[in-house]
């Protein structure tokens, strides 16, 4: 009988031990569940490597934005020149007294602009290019690229509680991101820009000394 009692007590203790471990694990897991997602984000990202990666990503967005702005400006200049050519050739084409294939030999024969085959050809070409430019949708891909780029960036950054500001060229965090992380990012950005300016000043001074 004592042997049986010992075996029973040992089996009960073996059962109670895993149960106690399960209770401890449940307490630990419940403690982890009480931590907010914002705090987990701040604890996991609030370090120098994360700030550096965000700064590099921000610099890449700024460089892409600068490139897109330059390309958009060139296409705007092209469109303005095309429209001026179109309206100028249309004015010459419709306000001339001389037939198309009979150019005037006397430049002082009239006060209205002379009508030549070249004016008709320029008008037809410029009109065709303008129609193709707008009908094919090229104006959306060439002139509206800047707005499309910013919209796509913000759509991609929205799940991470971030947005890209077109005016400042910086990444801005939403209120869901911990304030400590935002302050740390601002401090790191300021120190990064200061170090870059100092490095550029040293390079300029070294080039002046060599010259």
C-alpha atoms as a PDB file:
ATOM      1  CA  UNK A   1       0.000   0.000   0.000  1.00  0.00           C
ATOM      2  CA  UNK A   2       2.759   2.576   0.718  1.00  0.00           C
ATOM      3  CA  UNK A   3       4.190   1.862  -2.701  1.00  0.00           C
ATOM      4  CA  UNK A   4       0.862   2.572  -4.292  1.00  0.00           C
ATOM      5  CA  UNK A   5       0.519   5.785  -2.334  1.00  0.00           C
ATOM      6  CA  UNK A   6       3.967   6.898  -3.457  1.00  0.00           C
ATOM      7  CA  UNK A   7       3.171   6.162  -7.046  1.00  0.00           C
ATOM      8  CA  UNK A   8      -0.089   8.072  -6.756  1.00  0.00           C
ATOM      9  CA  UNK A   9       1.587  11.100  -5.184  1.00  0.00           C
ATOM     10  CA  UNK A  10       4.317  11.127  -7.831  1.00  0.00           C
ATOM     11  CA  UNK A  11       1.781  10.909 -10.644  1.00  0.00           C
ATOM     12  CA  UNK A  12      -0.241  13.771  -9.142  1.00  0.00           C
ATOM     13  CA  UNK A  13       2.884  15.901  -8.833  1.00  0.00           C
ATOM     14  CA  UNK A  14       3.803  15.123 -12.447  1.00  0.00           C
ATOM     15  CA  UNK A  15       0.373  16.302 -13.560  1.00  0.00           C
ATOM     16  CA  UNK A  16       0.421  19.428 -11.398  1.00  0.00           C
ATOM     17  CA  UNK A  17       3.865  20.496 -12.656  1.00  0.00           C
ATOM     18  CA  UNK A  18       2.843  20.955 -16.336  1.00  0.00           C
ATOM     19  CA  UNK A  19      -0.333  22.677 -15.189  1.00  0.00           C
ATOM     20  CA  UNK A  20       1.664  25.177 -13.164  1.00  0.00           C
ATOM     21  CA  UNK A  21       3.980  25.753 -16.127  1.00  0.00           C
ATOM     22  CA  UNK A  22       0.965  26.348 -18.343  1.00  0.00           C
ATOM     23  CA  UNK A  23      -0.353  28.942 -15.884  1.00  0.00           C
ATOM     24  CA  UNK A  24       2.998  30.747 -15.897  1.00  0.00           C
ATOM     25  CA  UNK A  25       3.110  30.683 -19.703  1.00  0.00           C
ATOM     26  CA  UNK A  26      -0.437  32.046 -19.889  1.00  0.00           C
ATOM     27  CA  UNK A  27       0.503  34.896 -17.557  1.00  0.00           C
ATOM     28  CA  UNK A  28       3.553  35.729 -19.672  1.00  0.00           C
ATOM     29  CA  UNK A  29       1.571  35.595 -22.897  1.00  0.00           C
ATOM     30  CA  UNK A  30      -1.184  37.745 -21.421  1.00  0.00           C
ATOM     31  CA  UNK A  31       1.464  40.256 -20.408  1.00  0.00           C
ATOM     32  CA  UNK A  32       2.780  40.343 -23.981  1.00  0.00           C
ATOM     33  CA  UNK A  33      -0.717  40.799 -25.347  1.00  0.00           C
ATOM     34  CA  UNK A  34      -1.225  43.913 -23.269  1.00  0.00           C
ATOM     35  CA  UNK A  35       1.627  45.679 -25.129  1.00  0.00           C
ATOM     36  CA  UNK A  36       0.190  47.919 -27.825  1.00  0.00           C
ATOM     37  CA  UNK A  37       1.284  47.492 -31.471  1.00  0.00           C
ATOM     38  CA  UNK A  38       2.559  51.079 -31.488  1.00  0.00           C
ATOM     39  CA  UNK A  39       4.883  50.305 -28.586  1.00  0.00           C
ATOM     40  CA  UNK A  40       6.154  47.172 -30.313  1.00  0.00           C
ATOM     41  CA  UNK A  41       6.838  49.233 -33.440  1.00  0.00           C
ATOM     42  CA  UNK A  42       8.718  51.845 -31.462  1.00  0.00           C
ATOM     43  CA  UNK A  43      10.755  49.257 -29.560  1.00  0.00           C
ATOM     44  CA  UNK A  44      11.710  47.360 -32.724  1.00  0.00           C
ATOM     45  CA  UNK A  45      12.497  50.349 -34.944  1.00  0.00           C
ATOM     46  CA  UNK A  46      13.891  52.946 -32.568  1.00  0.00           C
ATOM     47  CA  UNK A  47      17.535  52.430 -33.425  1.00  0.00           C
ATOM     48  CA  UNK A  48      20.135  54.005 -35.636  1.00  0.00           C
ATOM     49  CA  UNK A  49      19.958  51.409 -38.396  1.00  0.00           C
ATOM     50  CA  UNK A  50      16.227  51.944 -38.859  1.00  0.00           C
ATOM     51  CA  UNK A  51      16.711  55.706 -38.999  1.00  0.00           C
ATOM     52  CA  UNK A  52      19.511  55.333 -41.529  1.00  0.00           C
ATOM     53  CA  UNK A  53      17.400  53.049 -43.737  1.00  0.00           C
ATOM     54  CA  UNK A  54      14.525  55.528 -43.648  1.00  0.00           C
ATOM     55  CA  UNK A  55      16.849  58.409 -44.524  1.00  0.00           C
ATOM     56  CA  UNK A  56      18.270  56.464 -47.476  1.00  0.00           C
ATOM     57  CA  UNK A  57      14.748  55.645 -48.637  1.00  0.00           C
ATOM     58  CA  UNK A  58      13.776  59.292 -48.273  1.00  0.00           C
ATOM     59  CA  UNK A  59      16.818  60.400 -50.288  1.00  0.00           C
ATOM     60  CA  UNK A  60      15.904  57.969 -53.049  1.00  0.00           C
ATOM     61  CA  UNK A  61      12.357  59.292 -53.205  1.00  0.00           C
ATOM     62  CA  UNK A  62      13.694  62.843 -53.390  1.00  0.00           C
ATOM     63  CA  UNK A  63      16.077  61.984 -56.244  1.00  0.00           C
ATOM     64  CA  UNK A  64      13.292  60.255 -58.162  1.00  0.00           C
ATOM     65  CA  UNK A  65      11.036  63.244 -57.563  1.00  0.00           C
ATOM     66  CA  UNK A  66      13.702  65.619 -58.892  1.00  0.00           C
ATOM     67  CA  UNK A  67      14.176  63.490 -61.995  1.00  0.00           C
ATOM     68  CA  UNK A  68      10.428  63.329 -62.630  1.00  0.00           C
ATOM     69  CA  UNK A  69      10.081  67.092 -62.218  1.00  0.00           C
ATOM     70  CA  UNK A  70      12.818  67.695 -64.784  1.00  0.00           C
ATOM     71  CA  UNK A  71      11.215  65.331 -67.282  1.00  0.00           C
ATOM     72  CA  UNK A  72       7.789  66.899 -66.718  1.00  0.00           C
ATOM     73  CA  UNK A  73       9.216  70.380 -67.252  1.00  0.00           C
ATOM     74  CA  UNK A  74      10.809  69.335 -70.555  1.00  0.00           C
ATOM     75  CA  UNK A  75       7.537  67.874 -71.790  1.00  0.00           C
ATOM     76  CA  UNK A  76       5.684  71.041 -70.783  1.00  0.00           C
ATOM     77  CA  UNK A  77       8.151  73.127 -72.783  1.00  0.00           C
ATOM     78  CA  UNK A  78       7.678  70.768 -75.735  1.00  0.00           C
ATOM     79  CA  UNK A  79       3.899  71.066 -75.495  1.00  0.00           C
ATOM     80  CA  UNK A  80       4.024  74.875 -75.321  1.00  0.00           C
ATOM     81  CA  UNK A  81       6.301  75.010 -78.379  1.00  0.00           C
ATOM     82  CA  UNK A  82       4.014  72.597 -80.216  1.00  0.00           C
ATOM     83  CA  UNK A  83       0.916  74.659 -79.456  1.00  0.00           C
ATOM     84  CA  UNK A  84       2.631  77.891 -80.478  1.00  0.00           C
ATOM     85  CA  UNK A  85       3.675  76.283 -83.756  1.00  0.00           C
ATOM     86  CA  UNK A  86       0.146  74.995 -84.281  1.00  0.00           C
ATOM     87  CA  UNK A  87      -1.525  78.349 -83.660  1.00  0.00           C
ATOM     88  CA  UNK A  88       1.082  80.256 -85.657  1.00  0.00           C
ATOM     89  CA  UNK A  89       0.796  77.998 -88.679  1.00  0.00           C
ATOM     90  CA  UNK A  90      -3.006  78.050 -88.376  1.00  0.00           C
ATOM     91  CA  UNK A  91      -2.975  81.852 -88.377  1.00  0.00           C
ATOM     92  CA  UNK A  92      -0.812  81.928 -91.499  1.00  0.00           C
ATOM     93  CA  UNK A  93      -2.860  79.183 -93.134  1.00  0.00           C
ATOM     94  CA  UNK A  94      -6.242  80.860 -92.653  1.00  0.00           C
ATOM     95  CA  UNK A  95      -5.296  84.541 -92.981  1.00  0.00           C
ATOM     96  CA  UNK A  96      -3.486  84.602 -96.301  1.00  0.00           C
ATOM     97  CA  UNK A  97      -4.724  86.085 -99.562  1.00  0.00           C
ATOM     98  CA  UNK A  98      -2.442  84.015-101.774  1.00  0.00           C
ATOM     99  CA  UNK A  99      -3.353  80.417-102.701  1.00  0.00           C
ATOM    100  CA  UNK A 100      -1.440  77.588-101.128  1.00  0.00           C
ATOM    101  CA  UNK A 101       0.603  76.534-104.152  1.00  0.00           C
ATOM    102  CA  UNK A 102       1.143  80.056-105.552  1.00  0.00           C
ATOM    103  CA  UNK A 103       3.542  81.785-103.179  1.00  0.00           C
ATOM    104  CA  UNK A 104       4.008  85.510-103.655  1.00  0.00           C
ATOM    105  CA  UNK A 105       7.192  86.734-105.274  1.00  0.00           C
ATOM    106  CA  UNK A 106       6.783  90.258-103.948  1.00  0.00           C
ATOM    107  CA  UNK A 107       7.122  90.371-100.158  1.00  0.00           C
ATOM    108  CA  UNK A 108       5.671  93.914-100.072  1.00  0.00           C
ATOM    109  CA  UNK A 109       2.555  93.157-102.122  1.00  0.00           C
ATOM    110  CA  UNK A 110       0.186  92.953 -99.127  1.00  0.00           C
ATOM    111  CA  UNK A 111      -0.070  93.528 -95.423  1.00  0.00           C
ATOM    112  CA  UNK A 112      -1.365  90.048 -94.552  1.00  0.00           C
ATOM    113  CA  UNK A 113       1.063  87.135 -93.939  1.00  0.00           C
ATOM    114  CA  UNK A 114       2.151  85.201 -96.981  1.00  0.00           C
ATOM    115  CA  UNK A 115       0.731  81.769 -97.517  1.00  0.00           C
ATOM    116  CA  UNK A 116       3.250  79.169 -98.695  1.00  0.00           C
ATOM    117  CA  UNK A 117       3.178  75.375 -98.987  1.00  0.00           C
ATOM    118  CA  UNK A 118       5.493  75.223 -95.964  1.00  0.00           C
ATOM    119  CA  UNK A 119       2.925  76.894 -93.726  1.00  0.00           C
ATOM    120  CA  UNK A 120       0.301  74.332 -94.722  1.00  0.00           C
ATOM    121  CA  UNK A 121       2.756  71.478 -94.135  1.00  0.00           C
ATOM    122  CA  UNK A 122       3.763  72.811 -90.719  1.00  0.00           C
ATOM    123  CA  UNK A 123       0.118  73.247 -89.748  1.00  0.00           C
ATOM    124  CA  UNK A 124      -0.784  69.700 -90.778  1.00  0.00           C
ATOM    125  CA  UNK A 125       2.228  68.183 -88.975  1.00  0.00           C
ATOM    126  CA  UNK A 126       1.743  70.159 -85.764  1.00  0.00           C
ATOM    127  CA  UNK A 127      -1.978  69.416 -85.745  1.00  0.00           C
ATOM    128  CA  UNK A 128      -1.336  65.696 -86.227  1.00  0.00           C
ATOM    129  CA  UNK A 129       1.283  65.584 -83.458  1.00  0.00           C
ATOM    130  CA  UNK A 130      -1.030  67.435 -81.066  1.00  0.00           C
ATOM    131  CA  UNK A 131      -3.909  65.066 -81.757  1.00  0.00           C
ATOM    132  CA  UNK A 132      -1.688  62.020 -81.286  1.00  0.00           C
ATOM    133  CA  UNK A 133      -0.236  63.453 -78.066  1.00  0.00           C
ATOM    134  CA  UNK A 134      -3.655  63.861 -76.454  1.00  0.00           C
ATOM    135  CA  UNK A 135      -5.541  60.979 -78.099  1.00  0.00           C
ATOM    136  CA  UNK A 136      -2.936  58.356 -77.209  1.00  0.00           C
ATOM    137  CA  UNK A 137      -2.878  59.366 -73.541  1.00  0.00           C
ATOM    138  CA  UNK A 138       0.745  60.484 -73.601  1.00  0.00           C
ATOM    139  CA  UNK A 139      -0.145  63.648 -71.709  1.00  0.00           C
ATOM    140  CA  UNK A 140      -1.110  61.485 -68.702  1.00  0.00           C
ATOM    141  CA  UNK A 141       2.166  59.579 -68.654  1.00  0.00           C
ATOM    142  CA  UNK A 142       4.344  62.592 -69.448  1.00  0.00           C
ATOM    143  CA  UNK A 143       2.648  65.536 -67.740  1.00  0.00           C
ATOM    144  CA  UNK A 144       0.885  63.863 -64.798  1.00  0.00           C
ATOM    145  CA  UNK A 145       3.758  61.605 -63.735  1.00  0.00           C
ATOM    146  CA  UNK A 146       4.555  63.739 -60.706  1.00  0.00           C
ATOM    147  CA  UNK A 147       1.069  63.460 -59.204  1.00  0.00           C
ATOM    148  CA  UNK A 148       0.907  59.747 -60.013  1.00  0.00           C
ATOM    149  CA  UNK A 149       4.291  59.125 -58.363  1.00  0.00           C
ATOM    150  CA  UNK A 150       3.270  60.834 -55.114  1.00  0.00           C
ATOM    151  CA  UNK A 151      -0.078  59.018 -55.029  1.00  0.00           C
ATOM    152  CA  UNK A 152       1.574  55.631 -55.497  1.00  0.00           C
ATOM    153  CA  UNK A 153       4.174  56.379 -52.833  1.00  0.00           C
ATOM    154  CA  UNK A 154       1.525  57.326 -50.293  1.00  0.00           C
ATOM    155  CA  UNK A 155      -0.543  54.268 -51.163  1.00  0.00           C
ATOM    156  CA  UNK A 156       2.481  52.046 -50.526  1.00  0.00           C
ATOM    157  CA  UNK A 157       3.506  53.838 -47.320  1.00  0.00           C
ATOM    158  CA  UNK A 158       0.009  53.972 -45.818  1.00  0.00           C
ATOM    159  CA  UNK A 159       0.178  50.474 -44.203  1.00  0.00           C
ATOM    160  CA  UNK A 160       3.388  51.597 -42.458  1.00  0.00           C
ATOM    161  CA  UNK A 161       1.707  54.751 -41.077  1.00  0.00           C
ATOM    162  CA  UNK A 162       3.865  57.016 -43.241  1.00  0.00           C
ATOM    163  CA  UNK A 163       3.292  59.526 -46.049  1.00  0.00           C
ATOM    164  CA  UNK A 164       5.583  61.298 -48.498  1.00  0.00           C
ATOM    165  CA  UNK A 165       5.178  65.070 -48.676  1.00  0.00           C
ATOM    166  CA  UNK A 166       5.719  66.473 -52.152  1.00  0.00           C
ATOM    167  CA  UNK A 167       6.426  70.016 -50.926  1.00  0.00           C
ATOM    168  CA  UNK A 168       9.138  69.180 -48.386  1.00  0.00           C
ATOM    169  CA  UNK A 169      10.318  65.898 -49.886  1.00  0.00           C
ATOM    170  CA  UNK A 170      10.267  64.217 -46.466  1.00  0.00           C
ATOM    171  CA  UNK A 171       8.602  61.178 -44.968  1.00  0.00           C
ATOM    172  CA  UNK A 172       5.978  62.125 -42.385  1.00  0.00           C
ATOM    173  CA  UNK A 173       4.633  59.720 -39.773  1.00  0.00           C
ATOM    174  CA  UNK A 174       1.036  59.419 -38.681  1.00  0.00           C
ATOM    175  CA  UNK A 175      -0.166  59.723 -35.101  1.00  0.00           C
ATOM    176  CA  UNK A 176      -0.121  55.944 -34.697  1.00  0.00           C
ATOM    177  CA  UNK A 177       3.685  55.962 -34.673  1.00  0.00           C
ATOM    178  CA  UNK A 178       5.124  56.586 -31.180  1.00  0.00           C
ATOM    179  CA  UNK A 179       6.252  60.121 -30.498  1.00  0.00           C
ATOM    180  CA  UNK A 180       9.630  58.880 -29.279  1.00  0.00           C
ATOM    181  CA  UNK A 181      10.315  57.292 -32.634  1.00  0.00           C
ATOM    182  CA  UNK A 182       9.315  60.443 -34.513  1.00  0.00           C
ATOM    183  CA  UNK A 183      11.573  62.608 -32.348  1.00  0.00           C
ATOM    184  CA  UNK A 184      14.446  60.186 -32.817  1.00  0.00           C
ATOM    185  CA  UNK A 185      13.945  60.271 -36.579  1.00  0.00           C
ATOM    186  CA  UNK A 186      13.991  64.071 -36.629  1.00  0.00           C
ATOM    187  CA  UNK A 187      17.171  64.195 -34.559  1.00  0.00           C
ATOM    188  CA  UNK A 188      18.879  61.640 -36.778  1.00  0.00           C
ATOM    189  CA  UNK A 189      17.792  63.517 -39.930  1.00  0.00           C
ATOM    190  CA  UNK A 190      19.204  66.769 -38.566  1.00  0.00           C
ATOM    191  CA  UNK A 191      22.506  65.139 -37.623  1.00  0.00           C
ATOM    192  CA  UNK A 192      22.681  63.362 -40.992  1.00  0.00           C
ATOM    193  CA  UNK A 193      22.179  66.601 -42.919  1.00  0.00           C
ATOM    194  CA  UNK A 194      24.710  68.360 -40.712  1.00  0.00           C
ATOM    195  CA  UNK A 195      27.320  65.661 -41.315  1.00  0.00           C
ATOM    196  CA  UNK A 196      26.666  65.785 -45.053  1.00  0.00           C
ATOM    197  CA  UNK A 197      27.085  69.563 -45.139  1.00  0.00           C
ATOM    198  CA  UNK A 198      30.317  69.291 -43.183  1.00  0.00           C
ATOM    199  CA  UNK A 199      31.615  66.638 -45.570  1.00  0.00           C
ATOM    200  CA  UNK A 200      30.714  68.802 -48.576  1.00  0.00           C
ATOM    201  CA  UNK A 201      32.468  71.794 -46.981  1.00  0.00           C
ATOM    202  CA  UNK A 202      35.616  69.720 -46.422  1.00  0.00           C
ATOM    203  CA  UNK A 203      35.577  68.579 -50.045  1.00  0.00           C
ATOM    204  CA  UNK A 204      35.204  72.165 -51.262  1.00  0.00           C
ATOM    205  CA  UNK A 205      38.057  73.342 -49.069  1.00  0.00           C
ATOM    206  CA  UNK A 206      40.287  70.502 -50.273  1.00  0.00           C
ATOM    207  CA  UNK A 207      39.582  71.333 -53.920  1.00  0.00           C
ATOM    208  CA  UNK A 208      40.374  75.010 -53.273  1.00  0.00           C
ATOM    209  CA  UNK A 209      43.687  74.068 -51.683  1.00  0.00           C
ATOM    210  CA  UNK A 210      44.596  71.881 -54.654  1.00  0.00           C
ATOM    211  CA  UNK A 211      43.715  74.688 -57.071  1.00  0.00           C
END
